Amino acid sequence: MPFCPYSTYESLLRYIIYRTAPILSGLKPAELVTLRKCNGCCLDTWKNCRAAICRDLGISCRELRENGDAVLLFFYCESMLSDTLSAFCGHPLLLKCGYPECADLQAILDILSYRFRRQGSFPHEIGLFLGYPRRDVEAFVDGSKACCFCGYWKVYSEPFEARRLMCRIAGARRFAALLLLSGLEVCHALAWLRDSIFKF
């Protein structure tokens, strides 16, 4: 039987800390994380420990889509995501996709979850939820012009600012990896990640 690297609570928690480092360090409101079956144990660990993981991280999670082999998770900081989405209240892209104008966060996430389950691909508005620049999300959906470059998202405008944000996101993940590999207990690694004066 192949080895599953995330078969214990601690190992799965460490992986999710690494993946959600941009949220934990205050750079992004949300992240998508896919957990694969891996002989069942990874998903079993998640299903048994999800409440404890979210409690220990201090962030929330929605399961957007699941099939037999994987689950797509949407981790988010509730206050930061609420602030991000309030800036898009009544945005034409969200209205066109069936989101009500200025609904509460949980109602908006219900619609997002429904759209992920209904569509085979990712709904285009997900970029707004993930904190990608509005103009880049709009240009991607419009599809009428070529992008400047691709990184965590396709960049259509303000490439310098986009590269800067992408470098900070990568820096947060590198910093999380260094903390987790240093032998620090998870609670101390989380405190360093949240409170560090290091600006990534």
N, C-alpha and C. Protein backbone atom coordinates (compact mmCIF):
# COMPACT_ATOMS: atom_id res chain seq x y z
N MET A 1 0.85 -1.19 0.00
CA MET A 1 0.00 0.00 0.00
C MET A 1 0.89 1.24 0.00
N PRO A 2 0.66 2.19 -0.92
CA PRO A 2 1.48 3.41 -0.97
C PRO A 2 1.32 4.25 0.30
N PHE A 3 2.39 4.97 0.64
CA PHE A 3 2.39 5.82 1.83
C PHE A 3 1.55 7.07 1.60
N CYS A 4 0.73 7.42 2.57
CA CYS A 4 -0.05 8.66 2.51
C CYS A 4 0.61 9.68 3.43
N PRO A 5 1.12 10.81 2.87
CA PRO A 5 1.84 11.78 3.70
C PRO A 5 0.94 12.58 4.65
N TYR A 6 -0.38 12.52 4.48
CA TYR A 6 -1.28 13.33 5.31
C TYR A 6 -2.28 12.44 6.05
N SER A 7 -1.78 11.35 6.63
CA SER A 7 -2.66 10.38 7.26
C SER A 7 -2.94 10.71 8.72
N THR A 8 -2.21 11.70 9.29
CA THR A 8 -2.43 12.07 10.68
C THR A 8 -2.93 13.52 10.75
N TYR A 9 -3.53 13.85 11.87
CA TYR A 9 -4.01 15.21 12.07
C TYR A 9 -2.88 16.22 11.91
N GLU A 10 -1.75 15.96 12.57
CA GLU A 10 -0.63 16.90 12.56
C GLU A 10 -0.08 17.10 11.15
N SER A 11 0.08 16.02 10.39
CA SER A 11 0.65 16.16 9.05
C SER A 11 -0.30 16.90 8.11
N LEU A 12 -1.60 16.63 8.23
CA LEU A 12 -2.57 17.33 7.39
C LEU A 12 -2.66 18.80 7.80
N LEU A 13 -2.62 19.07 9.10
CA LEU A 13 -2.65 20.45 9.58
C LEU A 13 -1.45 21.23 9.04
N ARG A 14 -0.27 20.65 9.08
CA ARG A 14 0.93 21.31 8.57
C ARG A 14 0.81 21.61 7.08
N TYR A 15 0.27 20.66 6.32
CA TYR A 15 0.08 20.88 4.88
C TYR A 15 -0.89 22.04 4.64
N ILE A 16 -1.98 22.07 5.37
CA ILE A 16 -2.97 23.13 5.18
C ILE A 16 -2.42 24.48 5.63
N ILE A 17 -1.60 24.51 6.68
CA ILE A 17 -0.95 25.76 7.07
C ILE A 17 -0.10 26.28 5.92
N TYR A 18 0.68 25.39 5.31
CA TYR A 18 1.52 25.80 4.17
C TYR A 18 0.66 26.36 3.04
N ARG A 19 -0.41 25.67 2.69
CA ARG A 19 -1.25 26.10 1.57
C ARG A 19 -2.03 27.38 1.88
N THR A 20 -2.41 27.58 3.14
CA THR A 20 -3.21 28.75 3.49
C THR A 20 -2.38 29.88 4.10
N ALA A 21 -1.07 29.78 4.01
CA ALA A 21 -0.19 30.82 4.57
C ALA A 21 -0.55 32.23 4.10
N PRO A 22 -0.94 32.43 2.81
CA PRO A 22 -1.33 33.79 2.41
C PRO A 22 -2.56 34.33 3.15
N ILE A 23 -3.46 33.45 3.60
CA ILE A 23 -4.60 33.90 4.41
C ILE A 23 -4.12 34.21 5.82
N LEU A 24 -3.37 33.26 6.39
CA LEU A 24 -2.94 33.37 7.78
C LEU A 24 -2.06 34.60 8.00
N SER A 25 -1.34 35.03 6.96
CA SER A 25 -0.47 36.20 7.07
C SER A 25 -1.17 37.48 6.63
N GLY A 26 -2.45 37.40 6.26
CA GLY A 26 -3.24 38.59 5.94
C GLY A 26 -3.08 39.12 4.53
N LEU A 27 -2.53 38.30 3.62
CA LEU A 27 -2.33 38.75 2.24
C LEU A 27 -3.54 38.50 1.34
N LYS A 28 -4.28 37.45 1.61
CA LYS A 28 -5.40 37.07 0.75
C LYS A 28 -6.60 36.69 1.61
N PRO A 29 -7.80 36.88 1.08
CA PRO A 29 -8.98 36.51 1.86
C PRO A 29 -9.28 35.01 1.84
N ALA A 30 -8.80 34.31 0.80
CA ALA A 30 -9.21 32.91 0.63
C ALA A 30 -8.20 32.15 -0.22
N GLU A 31 -8.26 30.83 -0.10
CA GLU A 31 -7.43 29.92 -0.90
C GLU A 31 -8.22 28.67 -1.23
N LEU A 32 -7.94 28.10 -2.37
CA LEU A 32 -8.49 26.80 -2.76
C LEU A 32 -7.43 25.73 -2.47
N VAL A 33 -7.86 24.63 -1.88
CA VAL A 33 -6.96 23.51 -1.59
C VAL A 33 -7.66 22.22 -2.01
N THR A 34 -6.99 21.40 -2.79
CA THR A 34 -7.52 20.10 -3.19
C THR A 34 -6.85 19.02 -2.36
N LEU A 35 -7.65 18.17 -1.74
CA LEU A 35 -7.13 16.99 -1.05
C LEU A 35 -7.52 15.77 -1.86
N ARG A 36 -6.55 14.92 -2.13
CA ARG A 36 -6.79 13.72 -2.94
C ARG A 36 -6.95 12.50 -2.05
N LYS A 37 -7.54 11.47 -2.62
CA LYS A 37 -7.92 10.30 -1.85
C LYS A 37 -6.74 9.60 -1.19
N CYS A 38 -5.70 9.28 -1.91
CA CYS A 38 -4.49 8.66 -1.34
C CYS A 38 -4.87 7.45 -0.48
N ASN A 39 -5.52 6.47 -1.09
CA ASN A 39 -6.00 5.26 -0.39
C ASN A 39 -7.04 5.57 0.69
N GLY A 40 -7.68 6.70 0.54
CA GLY A 40 -8.75 7.05 1.47
C GLY A 40 -8.31 7.76 2.72
N CYS A 41 -7.04 7.60 3.13
CA CYS A 41 -6.67 8.10 4.46
C CYS A 41 -6.62 9.62 4.53
N CYS A 42 -6.21 10.29 3.46
CA CYS A 42 -6.15 11.75 3.49
C CYS A 42 -7.55 12.33 3.66
N LEU A 43 -8.49 11.85 2.86
CA LEU A 43 -9.86 12.35 2.97
C LEU A 43 -10.49 11.92 4.29
N ASP A 44 -10.17 10.71 4.75
CA ASP A 44 -10.69 10.27 6.05
C ASP A 44 -10.17 11.17 7.16
N THR A 45 -8.87 11.50 7.11
CA THR A 45 -8.30 12.39 8.12
C THR A 45 -9.01 13.73 8.11
N TRP A 46 -9.24 14.29 6.90
CA TRP A 46 -9.93 15.56 6.78
C TRP A 46 -11.34 15.47 7.36
N LYS A 47 -12.08 14.44 6.99
CA LYS A 47 -13.47 14.34 7.45
C LYS A 47 -13.55 14.22 8.97
N ASN A 48 -12.57 13.53 9.55
CA ASN A 48 -12.56 13.34 11.01
C ASN A 48 -12.07 14.56 11.77
N CYS A 49 -11.25 15.39 11.11
CA CYS A 49 -10.55 16.47 11.83
C CYS A 49 -10.87 17.87 11.33
N ARG A 50 -11.79 18.02 10.39
CA ARG A 50 -11.99 19.33 9.76
C ARG A 50 -12.34 20.43 10.76
N ALA A 51 -13.21 20.13 11.73
CA ALA A 51 -13.60 21.15 12.70
C ALA A 51 -12.39 21.58 13.55
N ALA A 52 -11.58 20.60 13.96
CA ALA A 52 -10.41 20.91 14.78
C ALA A 52 -9.38 21.70 13.98
N ILE A 53 -9.20 21.35 12.70
CA ILE A 53 -8.23 22.07 11.86
C ILE A 53 -8.66 23.53 11.71
N CYS A 54 -9.92 23.77 11.38
CA CYS A 54 -10.41 25.14 11.21
C CYS A 54 -10.31 25.92 12.53
N ARG A 55 -10.62 25.25 13.63
CA ARG A 55 -10.51 25.91 14.94
C ARG A 55 -9.06 26.30 15.24
N ASP A 56 -8.14 25.36 14.99
CA ASP A 56 -6.74 25.63 15.30
C ASP A 56 -6.16 26.72 14.40
N LEU A 57 -6.62 26.78 13.15
CA LEU A 57 -6.12 27.80 12.23
C LEU A 57 -6.82 29.15 12.41
N GLY A 58 -8.03 29.13 12.97
CA GLY A 58 -8.78 30.37 13.13
C GLY A 58 -9.36 30.89 11.83
N ILE A 59 -9.58 29.98 10.87
CA ILE A 59 -10.21 30.34 9.60
C ILE A 59 -11.35 29.37 9.32
N SER A 60 -12.15 29.68 8.32
CA SER A 60 -13.30 28.86 7.98
C SER A 60 -13.05 28.08 6.70
N CYS A 61 -13.92 27.10 6.43
CA CYS A 61 -13.76 26.28 5.23
C CYS A 61 -15.11 25.83 4.70
N ARG A 62 -15.22 25.80 3.39
CA ARG A 62 -16.36 25.23 2.69
C ARG A 62 -15.86 24.13 1.76
N GLU A 63 -16.55 23.02 1.71
CA GLU A 63 -16.26 22.00 0.70
C GLU A 63 -17.06 22.38 -0.54
N LEU A 64 -16.35 22.74 -1.60
CA LEU A 64 -17.03 23.22 -2.81
C LEU A 64 -17.45 22.09 -3.73
N ARG A 65 -16.62 21.05 -3.78
CA ARG A 65 -16.92 19.97 -4.72
C ARG A 65 -16.20 18.71 -4.25
N GLU A 66 -16.85 17.57 -4.38
CA GLU A 66 -16.21 16.31 -4.02
C GLU A 66 -16.58 15.26 -5.06
N ASN A 67 -15.59 14.48 -5.43
CA ASN A 67 -15.86 13.28 -6.20
C ASN A 67 -15.22 12.12 -5.45
N GLY A 68 -15.19 10.96 -6.01
CA GLY A 68 -14.65 9.81 -5.30
C GLY A 68 -13.19 9.92 -4.95
N ASP A 69 -12.44 10.71 -5.71
CA ASP A 69 -10.99 10.76 -5.54
C ASP A 69 -10.47 12.01 -4.85
N ALA A 70 -11.26 13.07 -4.77
CA ALA A 70 -10.72 14.33 -4.25
C ALA A 70 -11.85 15.21 -3.72
N VAL A 71 -11.45 16.16 -2.87
CA VAL A 71 -12.37 17.18 -2.39
C VAL A 71 -11.70 18.54 -2.59
N LEU A 72 -12.47 19.50 -3.10
CA LEU A 72 -11.98 20.86 -3.30
C LEU A 72 -12.47 21.71 -2.13
N LEU A 73 -11.52 22.28 -1.39
CA LEU A 73 -11.83 23.05 -0.19
C LEU A 73 -11.57 24.53 -0.43
N PHE A 74 -12.45 25.35 0.12
CA PHE A 74 -12.33 26.80 0.05
C PHE A 74 -12.10 27.31 1.47
N PHE A 75 -10.85 27.61 1.80
CA PHE A 75 -10.51 28.17 3.11
C PHE A 75 -10.59 29.69 3.03
N TYR A 76 -11.10 30.32 4.08
CA TYR A 76 -11.24 31.77 4.04
C TYR A 76 -11.22 32.38 5.44
N CYS A 77 -10.77 33.63 5.49
CA CYS A 77 -10.87 34.46 6.69
C CYS A 77 -12.18 35.22 6.55
N GLU A 78 -13.10 34.96 7.45
CA GLU A 78 -14.45 35.51 7.30
C GLU A 78 -14.47 37.03 7.22
N SER A 79 -13.74 37.71 8.09
CA SER A 79 -13.78 39.18 8.08
C SER A 79 -13.13 39.74 6.81
N MET A 80 -12.01 39.16 6.41
CA MET A 80 -11.32 39.67 5.22
C MET A 80 -12.13 39.40 3.95
N LEU A 81 -12.75 38.22 3.86
CA LEU A 81 -13.56 37.90 2.69
C LEU A 81 -14.81 38.78 2.64
N SER A 82 -15.42 39.04 3.79
CA SER A 82 -16.59 39.94 3.83
C SER A 82 -16.21 41.33 3.33
N ASP A 83 -15.05 41.83 3.78
CA ASP A 83 -14.59 43.15 3.33
C ASP A 83 -14.31 43.14 1.83
N THR A 84 -13.67 42.09 1.35
CA THR A 84 -13.34 41.98 -0.08
C THR A 84 -14.61 41.98 -0.92
N LEU A 85 -15.58 41.15 -0.53
CA LEU A 85 -16.80 41.03 -1.34
C LEU A 85 -17.70 42.25 -1.21
N SER A 86 -17.64 42.95 -0.09
CA SER A 86 -18.47 44.15 0.04
C SER A 86 -18.05 45.21 -0.99
N ALA A 87 -16.77 45.17 -1.39
CA ALA A 87 -16.29 46.10 -2.42
C ALA A 87 -16.89 45.77 -3.79
N PHE A 88 -17.38 44.53 -3.94
CA PHE A 88 -17.97 44.11 -5.22
C PHE A 88 -19.49 44.00 -5.15
N CYS A 89 -20.09 44.59 -4.13
CA CYS A 89 -21.54 44.57 -3.98
C CYS A 89 -22.18 45.16 -5.24
N GLY A 90 -23.01 44.38 -5.90
CA GLY A 90 -23.67 44.85 -7.12
C GLY A 90 -22.78 44.81 -8.35
N HIS A 91 -21.62 44.18 -8.27
CA HIS A 91 -20.73 44.09 -9.43
C HIS A 91 -21.43 43.31 -10.55
N PRO A 92 -21.36 43.81 -11.79
CA PRO A 92 -22.07 43.15 -12.89
C PRO A 92 -21.72 41.67 -13.07
N LEU A 93 -20.46 41.31 -12.85
CA LEU A 93 -20.07 39.91 -13.01
C LEU A 93 -20.80 39.03 -12.01
N LEU A 94 -20.89 39.47 -10.75
CA LEU A 94 -21.57 38.68 -9.74
C LEU A 94 -23.08 38.63 -9.98
N LEU A 95 -23.65 39.77 -10.38
CA LEU A 95 -25.09 39.79 -10.67
C LEU A 95 -25.42 38.86 -11.84
N LYS A 96 -24.59 38.88 -12.86
CA LYS A 96 -24.80 38.03 -14.05
C LYS A 96 -24.72 36.55 -13.69
N CYS A 97 -23.91 36.23 -12.68
CA CYS A 97 -23.74 34.83 -12.26
C CYS A 97 -24.78 34.39 -11.24
N GLY A 98 -25.73 35.27 -10.90
CA GLY A 98 -26.82 34.88 -10.02
C GLY A 98 -26.66 35.24 -8.56
N TYR A 99 -25.63 36.04 -8.23
CA TYR A 99 -25.46 36.46 -6.84
C TYR A 99 -26.36 37.66 -6.57
N PRO A 100 -27.08 37.65 -5.44
CA PRO A 100 -27.92 38.81 -5.12
C PRO A 100 -27.06 40.01 -4.75
N GLU A 101 -27.62 41.18 -4.93
CA GLU A 101 -26.89 42.40 -4.59
C GLU A 101 -26.77 42.51 -3.07
N CYS A 102 -25.53 42.63 -2.61
CA CYS A 102 -25.24 42.88 -1.19
C CYS A 102 -25.87 41.86 -0.23
N ALA A 103 -25.76 40.57 -0.56
CA ALA A 103 -26.23 39.53 0.35
C ALA A 103 -25.19 39.28 1.44
N ASP A 104 -25.59 38.55 2.49
CA ASP A 104 -24.60 38.25 3.52
C ASP A 104 -23.63 37.18 3.02
N LEU A 105 -22.53 37.04 3.73
CA LEU A 105 -21.43 36.19 3.26
C LEU A 105 -21.86 34.74 3.08
N GLN A 106 -22.62 34.20 4.02
CA GLN A 106 -22.98 32.79 3.92
C GLN A 106 -23.91 32.53 2.73
N ALA A 107 -24.80 33.47 2.42
CA ALA A 107 -25.66 33.32 1.25
C ALA A 107 -24.83 33.35 -0.04
N ILE A 108 -23.84 34.23 -0.07
CA ILE A 108 -22.96 34.31 -1.24
C ILE A 108 -22.17 33.01 -1.40
N LEU A 109 -21.68 32.48 -0.30
CA LEU A 109 -20.92 31.23 -0.36
C LEU A 109 -21.80 30.04 -0.73
N ASP A 110 -23.08 30.08 -0.36
CA ASP A 110 -24.01 29.04 -0.78
C ASP A 110 -24.11 29.02 -2.31
N ILE A 111 -24.20 30.20 -2.91
CA ILE A 111 -24.29 30.29 -4.37
C ILE A 111 -22.98 29.83 -5.01
N LEU A 112 -21.85 30.25 -4.45
CA LEU A 112 -20.57 29.80 -4.98
C LEU A 112 -20.46 28.28 -4.93
N SER A 113 -20.85 27.68 -3.81
CA SER A 113 -20.81 26.22 -3.68
C SER A 113 -21.69 25.56 -4.73
N TYR A 114 -22.89 26.09 -4.92
CA TYR A 114 -23.80 25.55 -5.93
C TYR A 114 -23.20 25.63 -7.32
N ARG A 115 -22.59 26.77 -7.64
CA ARG A 115 -22.00 26.94 -8.97
C ARG A 115 -20.81 26.00 -9.18
N PHE A 116 -20.05 25.72 -8.15
CA PHE A 116 -18.94 24.76 -8.28
C PHE A 116 -19.47 23.35 -8.50
N ARG A 117 -20.53 22.99 -7.80
CA ARG A 117 -21.08 21.63 -7.98
C ARG A 117 -21.72 21.48 -9.35
N ARG A 118 -22.35 22.56 -9.85
CA ARG A 118 -23.08 22.49 -11.11
C ARG A 118 -22.16 22.51 -12.33
N GLN A 119 -21.08 23.27 -12.25
CA GLN A 119 -20.18 23.41 -13.39
C GLN A 119 -19.05 22.39 -13.32
N GLY A 120 -18.60 21.96 -14.48
CA GLY A 120 -17.46 21.05 -14.52
C GLY A 120 -16.15 21.78 -14.28
N SER A 121 -16.11 23.07 -14.63
CA SER A 121 -14.89 23.86 -14.46
C SER A 121 -15.09 24.88 -13.33
N PHE A 122 -14.08 25.71 -13.13
CA PHE A 122 -14.17 26.71 -12.07
C PHE A 122 -15.01 27.90 -12.54
N PRO A 123 -15.97 28.35 -11.75
CA PRO A 123 -16.69 29.57 -12.11
C PRO A 123 -15.72 30.75 -12.16
N HIS A 124 -15.82 31.58 -13.18
CA HIS A 124 -14.85 32.65 -13.39
C HIS A 124 -14.79 33.66 -12.25
N GLU A 125 -15.90 33.84 -11.55
CA GLU A 125 -15.92 34.86 -10.49
C GLU A 125 -15.07 34.45 -9.28
N ILE A 126 -14.57 33.23 -9.25
CA ILE A 126 -13.78 32.77 -8.10
C ILE A 126 -12.58 33.70 -7.87
N GLY A 127 -12.07 34.31 -8.92
CA GLY A 127 -10.93 35.22 -8.76
C GLY A 127 -11.23 36.37 -7.81
N LEU A 128 -12.46 36.87 -7.81
CA LEU A 128 -12.83 37.95 -6.89
C LEU A 128 -12.77 37.45 -5.45
N PHE A 129 -13.23 36.22 -5.22
CA PHE A 129 -13.23 35.63 -3.88
C PHE A 129 -11.79 35.40 -3.38
N LEU A 130 -10.90 35.07 -4.30
CA LEU A 130 -9.52 34.75 -3.94
C LEU A 130 -8.64 35.99 -3.80
N GLY A 131 -9.23 37.16 -4.03
CA GLY A 131 -8.47 38.40 -3.84
C GLY A 131 -7.64 38.80 -5.04
N TYR A 132 -7.92 38.25 -6.21
CA TYR A 132 -7.21 38.67 -7.42
C TYR A 132 -7.69 40.06 -7.82
N PRO A 133 -6.84 40.84 -8.47
CA PRO A 133 -7.25 42.19 -8.86
C PRO A 133 -8.49 42.17 -9.76
N ARG A 134 -9.42 43.08 -9.45
CA ARG A 134 -10.70 43.14 -10.17
C ARG A 134 -10.52 43.25 -11.67
N ARG A 135 -9.61 44.13 -12.12
CA ARG A 135 -9.45 44.32 -13.56
C ARG A 135 -8.93 43.06 -14.25
N ASP A 136 -8.10 42.30 -13.57
CA ASP A 136 -7.61 41.05 -14.14
C ASP A 136 -8.72 40.02 -14.26
N VAL A 137 -9.58 39.94 -13.24
CA VAL A 137 -10.71 39.00 -13.29
C VAL A 137 -11.67 39.40 -14.42
N GLU A 138 -11.97 40.69 -14.52
CA GLU A 138 -12.88 41.17 -15.57
C GLU A 138 -12.31 40.89 -16.96
N ALA A 139 -11.00 41.15 -17.15
CA ALA A 139 -10.39 40.93 -18.46
C ALA A 139 -10.35 39.45 -18.80
N PHE A 140 -10.12 38.61 -17.81
CA PHE A 140 -10.12 37.16 -18.04
C PHE A 140 -11.49 36.68 -18.50
N VAL A 141 -12.53 37.15 -17.82
CA VAL A 141 -13.90 36.77 -18.18
C VAL A 141 -14.26 37.30 -19.57
N ASP A 142 -13.86 38.53 -19.85
CA ASP A 142 -14.15 39.16 -21.15
C ASP A 142 -13.44 38.42 -22.28
N GLY A 143 -12.19 38.04 -22.05
CA GLY A 143 -11.44 37.25 -23.03
C GLY A 143 -11.06 37.96 -24.30
N SER A 144 -11.14 39.30 -24.32
CA SER A 144 -10.90 40.02 -25.58
C SER A 144 -9.46 40.51 -25.74
N LYS A 145 -8.63 40.38 -24.68
CA LYS A 145 -7.25 40.82 -24.86
C LYS A 145 -6.29 39.81 -24.27
N ALA A 146 -5.06 39.87 -24.75
CA ALA A 146 -4.03 38.94 -24.29
C ALA A 146 -3.52 39.36 -22.92
N CYS A 147 -3.15 38.37 -22.13
CA CYS A 147 -2.62 38.70 -20.81
C CYS A 147 -1.14 39.07 -20.90
N CYS A 148 -0.68 39.83 -19.91
CA CYS A 148 0.74 40.23 -19.84
C CYS A 148 1.61 39.03 -19.45
N PHE A 149 1.15 38.29 -18.44
CA PHE A 149 1.86 37.08 -18.02
C PHE A 149 0.93 36.26 -17.12
N CYS A 150 1.31 35.02 -16.87
CA CYS A 150 0.54 34.14 -15.99
C CYS A 150 1.36 33.80 -14.76
N GLY A 151 0.74 33.84 -13.62
CA GLY A 151 1.36 33.41 -12.37
C GLY A 151 0.29 32.66 -11.59
N TYR A 152 -0.04 33.15 -10.40
CA TYR A 152 -1.15 32.55 -9.66
C TYR A 152 -2.48 32.83 -10.38
N TRP A 153 -2.51 33.88 -11.18
CA TRP A 153 -3.65 34.21 -12.04
C TRP A 153 -3.11 34.84 -13.30
N LYS A 154 -3.99 35.05 -14.29
CA LYS A 154 -3.59 35.73 -15.52
C LYS A 154 -3.65 37.24 -15.29
N VAL A 155 -2.55 37.90 -15.61
CA VAL A 155 -2.43 39.34 -15.36
C VAL A 155 -2.65 40.10 -16.66
N TYR A 156 -3.57 41.07 -16.63
CA TYR A 156 -3.89 41.87 -17.80
C TYR A 156 -3.53 43.34 -17.60
N SER A 157 -3.44 43.78 -16.36
CA SER A 157 -3.12 45.19 -16.10
C SER A 157 -2.26 45.28 -14.85
N GLU A 158 -1.55 46.39 -14.72
CA GLU A 158 -0.67 46.64 -13.58
C GLU A 158 0.23 45.45 -13.26
N PRO A 159 1.08 45.05 -14.23
CA PRO A 159 1.93 43.87 -14.03
C PRO A 159 2.92 44.01 -12.87
N PHE A 160 3.41 45.23 -12.63
CA PHE A 160 4.36 45.41 -11.52
C PHE A 160 3.69 45.08 -10.19
N GLU A 161 2.49 45.62 -9.96
CA GLU A 161 1.77 45.36 -8.72
C GLU A 161 1.40 43.88 -8.60
N ALA A 162 1.02 43.27 -9.73
CA ALA A 162 0.67 41.84 -9.71
C ALA A 162 1.88 40.99 -9.33
N ARG A 163 3.04 41.29 -9.93
CA ARG A 163 4.26 40.53 -9.59
C ARG A 163 4.61 40.71 -8.11
N ARG A 164 4.44 41.92 -7.63
CA ARG A 164 4.75 42.20 -6.22
C ARG A 164 3.86 41.37 -5.30
N LEU A 165 2.55 41.32 -5.59
CA LEU A 165 1.64 40.52 -4.77
C LEU A 165 1.97 39.04 -4.88
N MET A 166 2.27 38.57 -6.09
CA MET A 166 2.62 37.16 -6.25
C MET A 166 3.89 36.80 -5.49
N CYS A 167 4.86 37.70 -5.47
CA CYS A 167 6.09 37.46 -4.70
C CYS A 167 5.80 37.39 -3.21
N ARG A 168 4.90 38.24 -2.75
CA ARG A 168 4.54 38.22 -1.33
C ARG A 168 3.80 36.93 -0.96
N ILE A 169 2.93 36.46 -1.86
CA ILE A 169 2.22 35.19 -1.63
C ILE A 169 3.22 34.04 -1.56
N ALA A 170 4.14 34.00 -2.51
CA ALA A 170 5.17 32.96 -2.51
C ALA A 170 6.04 33.06 -1.27
N GLY A 171 6.34 34.30 -0.85
CA GLY A 171 7.15 34.51 0.35
C GLY A 171 6.46 34.00 1.60
N ALA A 172 5.15 34.20 1.69
CA ALA A 172 4.40 33.70 2.84
C ALA A 172 4.45 32.19 2.90
N ARG A 173 4.34 31.54 1.74
CA ARG A 173 4.40 30.07 1.72
C ARG A 173 5.81 29.58 2.09
N ARG A 174 6.84 30.27 1.57
CA ARG A 174 8.22 29.87 1.90
C ARG A 174 8.46 30.03 3.41
N PHE A 175 7.99 31.15 3.96
CA PHE A 175 8.16 31.40 5.38
C PHE A 175 7.45 30.33 6.21
N ALA A 176 6.23 29.96 5.79
CA ALA A 176 5.49 28.90 6.48
C ALA A 176 6.26 27.59 6.42
N ALA A 177 6.81 27.27 5.24
CA ALA A 177 7.57 26.02 5.10
C ALA A 177 8.79 26.02 6.02
N LEU A 178 9.51 27.15 6.08
CA LEU A 178 10.68 27.24 6.95
C LEU A 178 10.29 27.06 8.42
N LEU A 179 9.20 27.68 8.82
CA LEU A 179 8.76 27.56 10.21
C LEU A 179 8.38 26.11 10.53
N LEU A 180 7.66 25.47 9.61
CA LEU A 180 7.18 24.11 9.86
C LEU A 180 8.31 23.09 9.82
N LEU A 181 9.32 23.35 8.99
CA LEU A 181 10.46 22.43 8.90
C LEU A 181 11.49 22.67 10.00
N SER A 182 11.37 23.78 10.71
CA SER A 182 12.35 24.13 11.74
C SER A 182 12.18 23.30 13.00
N GLY A 183 11.08 22.59 13.11
CA GLY A 183 10.82 21.82 14.31
C GLY A 183 9.94 22.54 15.32
N LEU A 184 9.51 23.76 15.00
CA LEU A 184 8.60 24.49 15.89
C LEU A 184 7.29 23.73 16.04
N GLU A 185 6.70 23.83 17.21
CA GLU A 185 5.35 23.30 17.36
C GLU A 185 4.41 24.14 16.49
N VAL A 186 3.32 23.49 16.06
CA VAL A 186 2.40 24.15 15.14
C VAL A 186 1.88 25.46 15.70
N CYS A 187 1.55 25.51 16.98
CA CYS A 187 0.99 26.74 17.57
C CYS A 187 2.01 27.89 17.48
N HIS A 188 3.29 27.59 17.66
CA HIS A 188 4.31 28.63 17.58
C HIS A 188 4.55 29.06 16.13
N ALA A 189 4.51 28.09 15.21
CA ALA A 189 4.66 28.42 13.79
C ALA A 189 3.53 29.34 13.34
N LEU A 190 2.30 29.04 13.79
CA LEU A 190 1.15 29.88 13.44
C LEU A 190 1.31 31.29 14.01
N ALA A 191 1.78 31.39 15.23
CA ALA A 191 1.97 32.71 15.84
C ALA A 191 3.00 33.52 15.06
N TRP A 192 4.10 32.90 14.67
CA TRP A 192 5.12 33.58 13.87
C TRP A 192 4.54 34.02 12.53
N LEU A 193 3.78 33.15 11.91
CA LEU A 193 3.22 33.47 10.60
C LEU A 193 2.24 34.63 10.67
N ARG A 194 1.42 34.65 11.71
CA ARG A 194 0.41 35.72 11.85
C ARG A 194 1.02 37.05 12.28
N ASP A 195 2.01 36.98 13.16
CA ASP A 195 2.49 38.19 13.82
C ASP A 195 3.84 38.68 13.35
N SER A 196 4.43 37.97 12.40
CA SER A 196 5.79 38.34 11.99
C SER A 196 5.81 39.73 11.37
N ILE A 197 6.88 40.48 11.67
CA ILE A 197 7.05 41.78 11.02
C ILE A 197 7.67 41.60 9.64
N PHE A 198 8.04 40.33 9.31
CA PHE A 198 8.57 40.05 7.99
C PHE A 198 7.48 40.34 6.97
N LYS A 199 7.78 41.17 5.98
CA LYS A 199 6.74 41.63 5.06
C LYS A 199 6.66 40.82 3.77
N PHE A 200 7.30 39.69 3.73
CA PHE A 200 7.27 38.82 2.56
C PHE A 200 7.68 39.58 1.32
